[in-house]
Full PDB file with SEQRES, HELIX, SHEET, SSBOND, CRYST1, ORIGX, SCALE, CONECT and MASTER records, all heavy atoms in Angstrom:
SEQRES   1 A   40  LEU GLU LEU MET LEU GLY GLY VAL ILE LEU ALA ALA ALA          
SEQRES   2 A   40  ALA VAL TRP HIS PHE VAL ALA PRO ALA ALA THR ASP GLY          
SEQRES   3 A   40  GLN VAL LEU VAL VAL LEU ALA VAL THR VAL MET ALA VAL          
SEQRES   4 A   40  GLU                                                          
HELIX    1 AA1 GLU A    2  VAL A   19  1                                  18    
HELIX    2 AA2 ASP A   25  VAL A   39  1                                  15    
CRYST1    1.000    1.000    1.000  90.00  90.00  90.00 P 1           1          
ORIGX1      1.000000  0.000000  0.000000        0.00000                         
ORIGX2      0.000000  1.000000  0.000000        0.00000                         
ORIGX3      0.000000  0.000000  1.000000        0.00000                         
SCALE1      1.000000  0.000000  0.000000        0.00000                         
SCALE2      0.000000  1.000000  0.000000        0.00000                         
SCALE3      0.000000  0.000000  1.000000        0.00000                         
ATOM      1  N   LEU A   1      58.192-130.116  35.556  1.00  0.00           N  
ATOM      2  CA  LEU A   1      58.796-130.647  36.848  1.00  0.00           C  
ATOM      3  C   LEU A   1      58.642-129.646  37.919  1.00  0.00           C  
ATOM      4  O   LEU A   1      58.377-129.997  39.139  1.00  0.00           O  
ATOM      5  CB  LEU A   1      60.247-130.897  36.561  1.00  0.00           C  
ATOM      6  CG  LEU A   1      60.508-132.057  35.605  1.00  0.00           C  
ATOM      7  CD1 LEU A   1      62.064-132.237  35.368  1.00  0.00           C  
ATOM      8  CD2 LEU A   1      59.987-133.366  36.188  1.00  0.00           C  
ATOM      9  N   GLU A   2      58.735-128.305  37.683  1.00  0.00           N  
ATOM     10  CA  GLU A   2      58.506-127.321  38.786  1.00  0.00           C  
ATOM     11  C   GLU A   2      57.155-127.314  39.283  1.00  0.00           C  
ATOM     12  O   GLU A   2      56.858-127.136  40.457  1.00  0.00           O  
ATOM     13  CB  GLU A   2      58.934-125.955  38.269  1.00  0.00           C  
ATOM     14  CG  GLU A   2      60.424-125.879  38.138  1.00  0.00           C  
ATOM     15  CD  GLU A   2      61.206-125.928  39.409  1.00  0.00           C  
ATOM     16  OE1 GLU A   2      60.720-125.362  40.378  1.00  0.00           O  
ATOM     17  OE2 GLU A   2      62.265-126.565  39.489  1.00  0.00           O  
ATOM     18  N   LEU A   3      56.258-127.531  38.419  1.00  0.00           N  
ATOM     19  CA  LEU A   3      54.815-127.638  38.802  1.00  0.00           C  
ATOM     20  C   LEU A   3      54.581-128.785  39.714  1.00  0.00           C  
ATOM     21  O   LEU A   3      53.799-128.744  40.702  1.00  0.00           O  
ATOM     22  CB  LEU A   3      53.841-127.608  37.576  1.00  0.00           C  
ATOM     23  CG  LEU A   3      53.461-126.235  36.956  1.00  0.00           C  
ATOM     24  CD1 LEU A   3      52.726-126.497  35.663  1.00  0.00           C  
ATOM     25  CD2 LEU A   3      52.801-125.363  37.873  1.00  0.00           C  
ATOM     26  N   MET A   4      55.149-129.862  39.355  1.00  0.00           N  
ATOM     27  CA  MET A   4      55.073-131.039  40.084  1.00  0.00           C  
ATOM     28  C   MET A   4      55.597-130.820  41.566  1.00  0.00           C  
ATOM     29  O   MET A   4      54.951-131.251  42.537  1.00  0.00           O  
ATOM     30  CB  MET A   4      55.678-132.251  39.488  1.00  0.00           C  
ATOM     31  CG  MET A   4      54.947-132.700  38.273  1.00  0.00           C  
ATOM     32  SD  MET A   4      55.882-133.893  37.284  1.00  0.00           S  
ATOM     33  CE  MET A   4      56.211-135.184  38.361  1.00  0.00           C  
ATOM     34  N   LEU A   5      56.791-130.210  41.619  1.00  0.00           N  
ATOM     35  CA  LEU A   5      57.436-129.954  42.870  1.00  0.00           C  
ATOM     36  C   LEU A   5      56.526-129.007  43.729  1.00  0.00           C  
ATOM     37  O   LEU A   5      56.472-129.161  44.953  1.00  0.00           O  
ATOM     38  CB  LEU A   5      58.834-129.406  42.761  1.00  0.00           C  
ATOM     39  CG  LEU A   5      59.908-130.408  42.275  1.00  0.00           C  
ATOM     40  CD1 LEU A   5      61.160-129.683  42.061  1.00  0.00           C  
ATOM     41  CD2 LEU A   5      60.097-131.420  43.463  1.00  0.00           C  
ATOM     42  N   GLY A   6      55.905-128.065  43.106  1.00  0.00           N  
ATOM     43  CA  GLY A   6      55.101-127.059  43.734  1.00  0.00           C  
ATOM     44  C   GLY A   6      53.962-127.824  44.355  1.00  0.00           C  
ATOM     45  O   GLY A   6      53.438-127.512  45.439  1.00  0.00           O  
ATOM     46  N   GLY A   7      53.274-128.775  43.564  1.00  0.00           N  
ATOM     47  CA  GLY A   7      52.176-129.467  44.147  1.00  0.00           C  
ATOM     48  C   GLY A   7      52.538-130.344  45.347  1.00  0.00           C  
ATOM     49  O   GLY A   7      51.821-130.358  46.363  1.00  0.00           O  
ATOM     50  N   VAL A   8      53.752-130.901  45.359  1.00  0.00           N  
ATOM     51  CA  VAL A   8      54.213-131.675  46.500  1.00  0.00           C  
ATOM     52  C   VAL A   8      54.510-130.835  47.637  1.00  0.00           C  
ATOM     53  O   VAL A   8      54.195-131.155  48.874  1.00  0.00           O  
ATOM     54  CB  VAL A   8      55.430-132.492  46.052  1.00  0.00           C  
ATOM     55  CG1 VAL A   8      56.126-133.090  47.389  1.00  0.00           C  
ATOM     56  CG2 VAL A   8      55.144-133.556  45.114  1.00  0.00           C  
ATOM     57  N   ILE A   9      55.107-129.705  47.387  1.00  0.00           N  
ATOM     58  CA  ILE A   9      55.398-128.773  48.511  1.00  0.00           C  
ATOM     59  C   ILE A   9      54.065-128.216  49.193  1.00  0.00           C  
ATOM     60  O   ILE A   9      53.929-128.077  50.426  1.00  0.00           O  
ATOM     61  CB  ILE A   9      56.265-127.594  48.141  1.00  0.00           C  
ATOM     62  CG1 ILE A   9      57.690-128.198  47.802  1.00  0.00           C  
ATOM     63  CG2 ILE A   9      56.211-126.437  49.128  1.00  0.00           C  
ATOM     64  CD1 ILE A   9      58.601-127.153  47.254  1.00  0.00           C  
ATOM     65  N   LEU A  10      53.125-127.893  48.291  1.00  0.00           N  
ATOM     66  CA  LEU A  10      51.770-127.359  48.761  1.00  0.00           C  
ATOM     67  C   LEU A  10      51.094-128.500  49.616  1.00  0.00           C  
ATOM     68  O   LEU A  10      50.550-128.273  50.711  1.00  0.00           O  
ATOM     69  CB  LEU A  10      50.912-127.058  47.629  1.00  0.00           C  
ATOM     70  CG  LEU A  10      49.535-126.522  48.026  1.00  0.00           C  
ATOM     71  CD1 LEU A  10      49.578-125.259  48.879  1.00  0.00           C  
ATOM     72  CD2 LEU A  10      48.667-126.221  46.774  1.00  0.00           C  
ATOM     73  N   ALA A  11      51.131-129.731  49.314  1.00  0.00           N  
ATOM     74  CA  ALA A  11      50.533-130.929  50.015  1.00  0.00           C  
ATOM     75  C   ALA A  11      51.293-131.048  51.249  1.00  0.00           C  
ATOM     76  O   ALA A  11      50.699-131.123  52.316  1.00  0.00           O  
ATOM     77  CB  ALA A  11      50.685-132.145  49.191  1.00  0.00           C  
ATOM     78  N   ALA A  12      52.631-131.040  51.266  1.00  0.00           N  
ATOM     79  CA  ALA A  12      53.358-131.165  52.594  1.00  0.00           C  
ATOM     80  C   ALA A  12      53.159-130.054  53.550  1.00  0.00           C  
ATOM     81  O   ALA A  12      52.832-130.281  54.734  1.00  0.00           O  
ATOM     82  CB  ALA A  12      54.880-131.174  52.176  1.00  0.00           C  
ATOM     83  N   ALA A  13      53.089-128.846  52.920  1.00  0.00           N  
ATOM     84  CA  ALA A  13      52.780-127.738  53.877  1.00  0.00           C  
ATOM     85  C   ALA A  13      51.415-127.724  54.456  1.00  0.00           C  
ATOM     86  O   ALA A  13      51.154-127.345  55.654  1.00  0.00           O  
ATOM     87  CB  ALA A  13      52.943-126.334  53.137  1.00  0.00           C  
ATOM     88  N   ALA A  14      50.413-128.154  53.688  1.00  0.00           N  
ATOM     89  CA  ALA A  14      49.066-128.202  54.165  1.00  0.00           C  
ATOM     90  C   ALA A  14      48.913-129.409  55.266  1.00  0.00           C  
ATOM     91  O   ALA A  14      48.304-129.070  56.234  1.00  0.00           O  
ATOM     92  CB  ALA A  14      48.102-128.571  53.003  1.00  0.00           C  
ATOM     93  N   VAL A  15      49.484-130.524  55.023  1.00  0.00           N  
ATOM     94  CA  VAL A  15      49.532-131.500  56.012  1.00  0.00           C  
ATOM     95  C   VAL A  15      50.164-131.164  57.288  1.00  0.00           C  
ATOM     96  O   VAL A  15      49.666-131.359  58.308  1.00  0.00           O  
ATOM     97  CB  VAL A  15      50.076-132.857  55.488  1.00  0.00           C  
ATOM     98  CG1 VAL A  15      50.352-133.890  56.513  1.00  0.00           C  
ATOM     99  CG2 VAL A  15      49.099-133.392  54.331  1.00  0.00           C  
ATOM    100  N   TRP A  16      51.310-130.475  57.067  1.00  0.00           N  
ATOM    101  CA  TRP A  16      52.095-130.023  58.261  1.00  0.00           C  
ATOM    102  C   TRP A  16      51.246-129.060  59.016  1.00  0.00           C  
ATOM    103  O   TRP A  16      51.318-129.084  60.221  1.00  0.00           O  
ATOM    104  CB  TRP A  16      53.370-129.511  57.893  1.00  0.00           C  
ATOM    105  CG  TRP A  16      54.420-129.409  58.998  1.00  0.00           C  
ATOM    106  CD1 TRP A  16      54.439-128.647  60.145  1.00  0.00           C  
ATOM    107  CD2 TRP A  16      55.577-130.152  59.070  1.00  0.00           C  
ATOM    108  NE1 TRP A  16      55.423-128.813  60.916  1.00  0.00           N  
ATOM    109  CE2 TRP A  16      56.215-129.814  60.285  1.00  0.00           C  
ATOM    110  CE3 TRP A  16      56.194-131.176  58.264  1.00  0.00           C  
ATOM    111  CZ2 TRP A  16      57.350-130.336  60.737  1.00  0.00           C  
ATOM    112  CZ3 TRP A  16      57.471-131.617  58.693  1.00  0.00           C  
ATOM    113  CH2 TRP A  16      57.953-131.310  59.914  1.00  0.00           C  
ATOM    114  N   HIS A  17      50.564-128.121  58.468  1.00  0.00           N  
ATOM    115  CA  HIS A  17      49.786-127.056  59.044  1.00  0.00           C  
ATOM    116  C   HIS A  17      48.569-127.716  59.879  1.00  0.00           C  
ATOM    117  O   HIS A  17      48.210-127.237  60.893  1.00  0.00           O  
ATOM    118  CB  HIS A  17      49.208-126.126  58.016  1.00  0.00           C  
ATOM    119  CG  HIS A  17      48.333-125.075  58.688  1.00  0.00           C  
ATOM    120  ND1 HIS A  17      48.662-124.135  59.411  1.00  0.00           N  
ATOM    121  CD2 HIS A  17      47.046-124.965  58.537  1.00  0.00           C  
ATOM    122  CE1 HIS A  17      47.626-123.366  59.834  1.00  0.00           C  
ATOM    123  NE2 HIS A  17      46.407-123.906  59.276  1.00  0.00           N  
ATOM    124  N   PHE A  18      47.926-128.631  59.213  1.00  0.00           N  
ATOM    125  CA  PHE A  18      46.802-129.347  59.933  1.00  0.00           C  
ATOM    126  C   PHE A  18      47.245-130.328  61.008  1.00  0.00           C  
ATOM    127  O   PHE A  18      46.464-130.496  61.904  1.00  0.00           O  
ATOM    128  CB  PHE A  18      45.954-129.951  58.879  1.00  0.00           C  
ATOM    129  CG  PHE A  18      45.071-129.033  58.134  1.00  0.00           C  
ATOM    130  CD1 PHE A  18      45.360-128.585  56.826  1.00  0.00           C  
ATOM    131  CD2 PHE A  18      43.940-128.477  58.668  1.00  0.00           C  
ATOM    132  CE1 PHE A  18      44.623-127.634  56.182  1.00  0.00           C  
ATOM    133  CE2 PHE A  18      43.123-127.551  58.070  1.00  0.00           C  
ATOM    134  CZ  PHE A  18      43.454-127.055  56.813  1.00  0.00           C  
ATOM    135  N   VAL A  19      48.483-130.877  60.959  1.00  0.00           N  
ATOM    136  CA  VAL A  19      48.816-131.802  61.894  1.00  0.00           C  
ATOM    137  C   VAL A  19      49.357-130.984  63.150  1.00  0.00           C  
ATOM    138  O   VAL A  19      49.035-131.294  64.314  1.00  0.00           O  
ATOM    139  CB  VAL A  19      49.993-132.707  61.352  1.00  0.00           C  
ATOM    140  CG1 VAL A  19      50.579-133.510  62.461  1.00  0.00           C  
ATOM    141  CG2 VAL A  19      49.340-133.705  60.339  1.00  0.00           C  
ATOM    142  N   ALA A  20      50.219-130.013  62.835  1.00  0.00           N  
ATOM    143  CA  ALA A  20      50.849-129.225  63.939  1.00  0.00           C  
ATOM    144  C   ALA A  20      50.795-127.878  63.675  1.00  0.00           C  
ATOM    145  O   ALA A  20      51.821-127.179  63.156  1.00  0.00           O  
ATOM    146  CB  ALA A  20      52.269-129.673  64.261  1.00  0.00           C  
ATOM    147  N   PRO A  21      49.695-127.064  63.847  1.00  0.00           N  
ATOM    148  CA  PRO A  21      49.518-125.686  63.508  1.00  0.00           C  
ATOM    149  C   PRO A  21      50.404-124.651  64.234  1.00  0.00           C  
ATOM    150  O   PRO A  21      50.798-123.674  63.665  1.00  0.00           O  
ATOM    151  CB  PRO A  21      48.014-125.294  63.643  1.00  0.00           C  
ATOM    152  CG  PRO A  21      47.535-126.420  64.541  1.00  0.00           C  
ATOM    153  CD  PRO A  21      48.390-127.643  64.512  1.00  0.00           C  
ATOM    154  N   ALA A  22      50.814-124.950  65.370  1.00  0.00           N  
ATOM    155  CA  ALA A  22      51.660-124.162  66.169  1.00  0.00           C  
ATOM    156  C   ALA A  22      53.084-124.201  65.849  1.00  0.00           C  
ATOM    157  O   ALA A  22      53.903-123.292  66.227  1.00  0.00           O  
ATOM    158  CB  ALA A  22      51.451-124.415  67.815  1.00  0.00           C  
ATOM    159  N   ALA A  23      53.479-125.296  65.298  1.00  0.00           N  
ATOM    160  CA  ALA A  23      54.962-125.602  65.030  1.00  0.00           C  
ATOM    161  C   ALA A  23      55.557-124.776  63.890  1.00  0.00           C  
ATOM    162  O   ALA A  23      54.691-124.627  62.791  1.00  0.00           O  
ATOM    163  CB  ALA A  23      55.237-127.087  64.835  1.00  0.00           C  
ATOM    164  N   THR A  24      56.567-124.153  63.891  1.00  0.00           N  
ATOM    165  CA  THR A  24      57.107-123.397  62.800  1.00  0.00           C  
ATOM    166  C   THR A  24      58.020-124.374  61.903  1.00  0.00           C  
ATOM    167  O   THR A  24      58.645-123.798  60.912  1.00  0.00           O  
ATOM    168  CB  THR A  24      57.928-122.267  63.297  1.00  0.00           C  
ATOM    169  OG1 THR A  24      59.008-122.695  64.114  1.00  0.00           O  
ATOM    170  CG2 THR A  24      57.041-121.276  64.152  1.00  0.00           C  
ATOM    171  N   ASP A  25      58.222-125.581  62.268  1.00  0.00           N  
ATOM    172  CA  ASP A  25      59.096-126.480  61.474  1.00  0.00           C  
ATOM    173  C   ASP A  25      58.599-126.545  60.115  1.00  0.00           C  
ATOM    174  O   ASP A  25      59.357-126.575  59.108  1.00  0.00           O  
ATOM    175  CB  ASP A  25      59.215-127.788  62.104  1.00  0.00           C  
ATOM    176  CG  ASP A  25      59.801-127.804  63.476  1.00  0.00           C  
ATOM    177  OD1 ASP A  25      60.420-126.767  63.861  1.00  0.00           O  
ATOM    178  OD2 ASP A  25      59.530-128.768  64.307  1.00  0.00           O  
ATOM    179  N   GLY A  26      57.260-126.695  59.810  1.00  0.00           N  
ATOM    180  CA  GLY A  26      56.779-126.770  58.519  1.00  0.00           C  
ATOM    181  C   GLY A  26      56.996-125.548  57.681  1.00  0.00           C  
ATOM    182  O   GLY A  26      57.313-125.734  56.431  1.00  0.00           O  
ATOM    183  N   GLN A  27      56.910-124.365  58.270  1.00  0.00           N  
ATOM    184  CA  GLN A  27      57.148-123.141  57.497  1.00  0.00           C  
ATOM    185  C   GLN A  27      58.585-123.032  57.085  1.00  0.00           C  
ATOM    186  O   GLN A  27      58.836-122.690  55.842  1.00  0.00           O  
ATOM    187  CB  GLN A  27      56.773-121.964  58.306  1.00  0.00           C  
ATOM    188  CG  GLN A  27      55.321-121.835  58.652  1.00  0.00           C  
ATOM    189  CD  GLN A  27      55.115-120.737  59.639  1.00  0.00           C  
ATOM    190  OE1 GLN A  27      55.955-120.060  60.022  1.00  0.00           O  
ATOM    191  NE2 GLN A  27      53.762-120.583  59.985  1.00  0.00           N  
ATOM    192  N   VAL A  28      59.517-123.506  57.892  1.00  0.00           N  
ATOM    193  CA  VAL A  28      60.925-123.509  57.561  1.00  0.00           C  
ATOM    194  C   VAL A  28      61.134-124.461  56.468  1.00  0.00           C  
ATOM    195  O   VAL A  28      61.931-124.223  55.566  1.00  0.00           O  
ATOM    196  CB  VAL A  28      61.807-123.784  58.892  1.00  0.00           C  
ATOM    197  CG1 VAL A  28      63.232-124.021  58.498  1.00  0.00           C  
ATOM    198  CG2 VAL A  28      61.635-122.706  59.839  1.00  0.00           C  
ATOM    199  N   LEU A  29      60.550-125.687  56.540  1.00  0.00           N  
ATOM    200  CA  LEU A  29      60.771-126.619  55.481  1.00  0.00           C  
ATOM    201  C   LEU A  29      60.170-126.217  54.132  1.00  0.00           C  
ATOM    202  O   LEU A  29      60.862-126.356  53.083  1.00  0.00           O  
ATOM    203  CB  LEU A  29      60.005-127.984  55.994  1.00  0.00           C  
ATOM    204  CG  LEU A  29      60.116-129.110  54.968  1.00  0.00           C  
ATOM    205  CD1 LEU A  29      61.561-129.698  54.939  1.00  0.00           C  
ATOM    206  CD2 LEU A  29      59.213-130.240  55.393  1.00  0.00           C  
ATOM    207  N   VAL A  30      59.089-125.464  54.079  1.00  0.00           N  
ATOM    208  CA  VAL A  30      58.508-124.994  52.836  1.00  0.00           C  
ATOM    209  C   VAL A  30      59.458-123.870  52.269  1.00  0.00           C  
ATOM    210  O   VAL A  30      59.715-123.902  51.113  1.00  0.00           O  
ATOM    211  CB  VAL A  30      57.141-124.477  53.148  1.00  0.00           C  
ATOM    212  CG1 VAL A  30      56.603-123.550  51.977  1.00  0.00           C  
ATOM    213  CG2 VAL A  30      56.185-125.609  53.389  1.00  0.00           C  
ATOM    214  N   VAL A  31      60.011-122.921  53.126  1.00  0.00           N  
ATOM    215  CA  VAL A  31      60.904-121.985  52.701  1.00  0.00           C  
ATOM    216  C   VAL A  31      62.199-122.585  52.099  1.00  0.00           C  
ATOM    217  O   VAL A  31      62.546-122.183  51.034  1.00  0.00           O  
ATOM    218  CB  VAL A  31      61.131-120.902  53.769  1.00  0.00           C  
ATOM    219  CG1 VAL A  31      62.323-120.031  53.372  1.00  0.00           C  
ATOM    220  CG2 VAL A  31      59.908-120.140  54.135  1.00  0.00           C  
ATOM    221  N   LEU A  32      62.550-123.594  52.695  1.00  0.00           N  
ATOM    222  CA  LEU A  32      63.747-124.210  52.266  1.00  0.00           C  
ATOM    223  C   LEU A  32      63.618-124.865  50.944  1.00  0.00           C  
ATOM    224  O   LEU A  32      64.350-124.901  50.001  1.00  0.00           O  
ATOM    225  CB  LEU A  32      64.307-125.248  53.352  1.00  0.00           C  
ATOM    226  CG  LEU A  32      65.547-126.109  52.978  1.00  0.00           C  
ATOM    227  CD1 LEU A  32      66.778-125.099  52.923  1.00  0.00           C  
ATOM    228  CD2 LEU A  32      65.881-127.031  54.040  1.00  0.00           C  
ATOM    229  N   ALA A  33      62.427-125.591  50.838  1.00  0.00           N  
ATOM    230  CA  ALA A  33      62.009-126.270  49.598  1.00  0.00           C  
ATOM    231  C   ALA A  33      61.901-125.422  48.381  1.00  0.00           C  
ATOM    232  O   ALA A  33      62.322-125.573  47.400  1.00  0.00           O  
ATOM    233  CB  ALA A  33      60.905-127.229  49.870  1.00  0.00           C  
ATOM    234  N   VAL A  34      61.286-124.283  48.598  1.00  0.00           N  
ATOM    235  CA  VAL A  34      61.121-123.267  47.605  1.00  0.00           C  
ATOM    236  C   VAL A  34      62.459-122.663  47.148  1.00  0.00           C  
ATOM    237  O   VAL A  34      62.743-122.436  45.966  1.00  0.00           O  
ATOM    238  CB  VAL A  34      60.115-122.130  48.044  1.00  0.00           C  
ATOM    239  CG1 VAL A  34      60.097-120.896  47.090  1.00  0.00           C  
ATOM    240  CG2 VAL A  34      58.712-122.731  48.263  1.00  0.00           C  
ATOM    241  N   THR A  35      63.383-122.500  48.090  1.00  0.00           N  
ATOM    242  CA  THR A  35      64.677-122.097  47.886  1.00  0.00           C  
ATOM    243  C   THR A  35      65.482-123.023  46.995  1.00  0.00           C  
ATOM    244  O   THR A  35      66.110-122.682  46.023  1.00  0.00           O  
ATOM    245  CB  THR A  35      65.457-121.621  49.075  1.00  0.00           C  
ATOM    246  OG1 THR A  35      64.701-120.734  49.817  1.00  0.00           O  
ATOM    247  CG2 THR A  35      66.871-121.110  48.808  1.00  0.00           C  
ATOM    248  N   VAL A  36      65.355-124.220  47.376  1.00  0.00           N  
ATOM    249  CA  VAL A  36      65.974-125.273  46.490  1.00  0.00           C  
ATOM    250  C   VAL A  36      65.324-125.332  45.217  1.00  0.00           C  
ATOM    251  O   VAL A  36      66.153-125.614  44.157  1.00  0.00           O  
ATOM    252  CB  VAL A  36      65.776-126.714  47.314  1.00  0.00           C  
ATOM    253  CG1 VAL A  36      66.274-127.894  46.414  1.00  0.00           C  
ATOM    254  CG2 VAL A  36      66.696-126.630  48.624  1.00  0.00           C  
ATOM    255  N   MET A  37      64.146-125.226  45.031  1.00  0.00           N  
ATOM    256  CA  MET A  37      63.460-125.179  43.727  1.00  0.00           C  
ATOM    257  C   MET A  37      63.952-124.042  42.878  1.00  0.00           C  
ATOM    258  O   MET A  37      64.246-124.268  41.664  1.00  0.00           O  
ATOM    259  CB  MET A  37      61.945-125.019  43.835  1.00  0.00           C  
ATOM    260  CG  MET A  37      61.161-126.281  44.190  1.00  0.00           C  
ATOM    261  SD  MET A  37      59.432-126.056  44.393  1.00  0.00           S  
ATOM    262  CE  MET A  37      58.879-125.147  42.921  1.00  0.00           C  
ATOM    263  N   ALA A  38      64.118-122.997  43.433  1.00  0.00           N  
ATOM    264  CA  ALA A  38      64.621-121.798  42.773  1.00  0.00           C  
ATOM    265  C   ALA A  38      66.137-121.984  42.279  1.00  0.00           C  
ATOM    266  O   ALA A  38      66.426-121.674  41.148  1.00  0.00           O  
ATOM    267  CB  ALA A  38      64.507-120.537  43.501  1.00  0.00           C  
ATOM    268  N   VAL A  39      66.890-122.546  43.147  1.00  0.00           N  
ATOM    269  CA  VAL A  39      68.263-122.825  42.768  1.00  0.00           C  
ATOM    270  C   VAL A  39      68.343-123.961  41.599  1.00  0.00           C  
ATOM    271  O   VAL A  39      69.138-123.776  40.644  1.00  0.00           O  
ATOM    272  CB  VAL A  39      69.113-123.337  44.035  1.00  0.00           C  
ATOM    273  CG1 VAL A  39      70.463-123.749  43.526  1.00  0.00           C  
ATOM    274  CG2 VAL A  39      69.240-122.091  44.901  1.00  0.00           C  
ATOM    275  N   GLU A  40      67.480-124.980  41.813  1.00  0.00           N  
ATOM    276  CA  GLU A  40      67.483-126.032  40.790  1.00  0.00           C  
ATOM    277  C   GLU A  40      67.129-125.475  39.469  1.00  0.00           C  
ATOM    278  O   GLU A  40      67.598-125.941  38.396  1.00  0.00           O  
ATOM    279  CB  GLU A  40      66.488-127.094  41.390  1.00  0.00           C  
ATOM    280  CG  GLU A  40      66.402-128.295  40.407  1.00  0.00           C  
ATOM    281  CD  GLU A  40      65.022-128.203  39.643  1.00  0.00           C  
ATOM    282  OE1 GLU A  40      64.036-127.544  40.127  1.00  0.00           O  
ATOM    283  OE2 GLU A  40      64.993-128.758  38.518  1.00  0.00           O  
TER     284      GLU A  40                                                      
MASTER        0    0    0    2    0    0    0    6  283    1    0    4          
END                                                                             
């Protein structure tokens, strides 16, 4: 399940980076998602 979540987060971060590379919202979302994964 953690590998599956990691794949989803990687895809979301990649799409966010290619859609809006200057925005930091995607980076914050990825850090938040990884933190939630660790707590879970």
